[in-house]
Amino acid sequence: MEPAEKGAHYARIFRKAGLLLGKGRVARAVTVLEEGRVFAERLGDRAIANRFKVEVERASKPTESLDS
């Protein structure tokens, strides 16, 4: 896979996850990010796989209430 192709694919995954998070569909967004991590690992992109892992952890954290 060409580098530009990989970058475009990763960008689509991150955008899709972001849209899902914006809609409050956290579980589905985490699933999309996990699929992205697996894809990156399969291609040997450790840095990108780690970025997906970080985003999964971030999305999985409970949000803080604005009232606190």
Protein backbone atom coordinates (compact mmCIF):
# COMPACT_ATOMS: atom_id res chain seq x y z
CA MET A 1 0.00 0.00 0.00
CA GLU A 2 1.34 3.42 -0.97
CA PRO A 3 2.14 5.84 1.88
CA ALA A 4 -0.43 8.38 0.66
CA GLU A 5 -3.03 5.64 0.47
CA LYS A 6 -2.27 4.54 4.04
CA GLY A 7 -2.46 8.11 5.29
CA ALA A 8 -5.80 8.65 3.61
CA HIS A 9 -7.13 5.41 5.10
CA TYR A 10 -5.98 6.35 8.60
CA ALA A 11 -7.51 9.81 8.22
CA ARG A 12 -10.88 8.28 7.23
CA ILE A 13 -10.79 6.05 10.30
CA PHE A 14 -10.02 8.95 12.64
CA ARG A 15 -12.73 11.12 11.03
CA LYS A 16 -15.30 8.34 11.31
CA ALA A 17 -14.44 7.81 14.98
CA GLY A 18 -14.64 11.55 15.61
CA LEU A 19 -18.08 11.78 14.03
CA LEU A 20 -19.27 8.84 16.10
CA LEU A 21 -17.92 10.42 19.29
CA GLY A 22 -19.65 13.67 18.38
CA LYS A 23 -22.92 11.77 18.11
CA GLY A 24 -22.35 10.14 21.49
CA ARG A 25 -21.78 6.68 20.01
CA VAL A 26 -18.70 5.99 22.11
CA ALA A 27 -18.79 2.19 21.94
CA ARG A 28 -18.94 2.22 18.13
CA ALA A 29 -16.16 4.84 17.96
CA VAL A 30 -13.94 2.67 20.17
CA THR A 31 -14.62 -0.29 17.87
CA VAL A 32 -13.62 1.78 14.82
CA LEU A 33 -10.43 2.92 16.55
CA GLU A 34 -9.58 -0.66 17.54
CA GLU A 35 -10.07 -1.76 13.93
CA GLY A 36 -7.70 1.04 12.90
CA ARG A 37 -5.12 -0.14 15.44
CA VAL A 38 -5.28 -3.69 14.10
CA PHE A 39 -4.96 -2.40 10.52
CA ALA A 40 -1.91 -0.31 11.43
CA GLU A 41 -0.27 -3.22 13.26
CA ARG A 42 -0.87 -5.47 10.26
CA LEU A 43 0.95 -2.91 8.08
CA GLY A 44 3.77 -2.58 10.61
CA ASP A 45 2.99 1.06 11.50
CA ARG A 46 3.78 0.95 15.21
CA ALA A 47 3.55 4.71 15.74
CA ILE A 48 0.09 4.89 14.17
CA ALA A 49 -1.04 1.76 16.02
CA ASN A 50 0.06 3.42 19.26
CA ARG A 51 -1.86 6.59 18.34
CA PHE A 52 -5.01 4.51 17.82
CA LYS A 53 -4.39 2.85 21.20
CA VAL A 54 -4.09 6.24 22.92
CA GLU A 55 -7.31 7.42 21.29
CA VAL A 56 -9.12 4.24 22.37
CA GLU A 57 -8.01 4.90 25.96
CA ARG A 58 -9.08 8.54 25.72
CA ALA A 59 -12.49 7.69 24.26
CA SER A 60 -13.05 4.97 26.85
CA LYS A 61 -12.53 7.30 29.81
CA PRO A 62 -15.70 8.50 31.48
CA THR A 63 -16.31 12.18 30.79
CA GLU A 64 -16.24 14.63 33.64
CA SER A 65 -19.40 16.48 34.44
CA LEU A 66 -19.42 20.20 33.79
CA ASP A 67 -21.13 20.66 37.15
CA SER A 68 -18.10 19.41 39.11
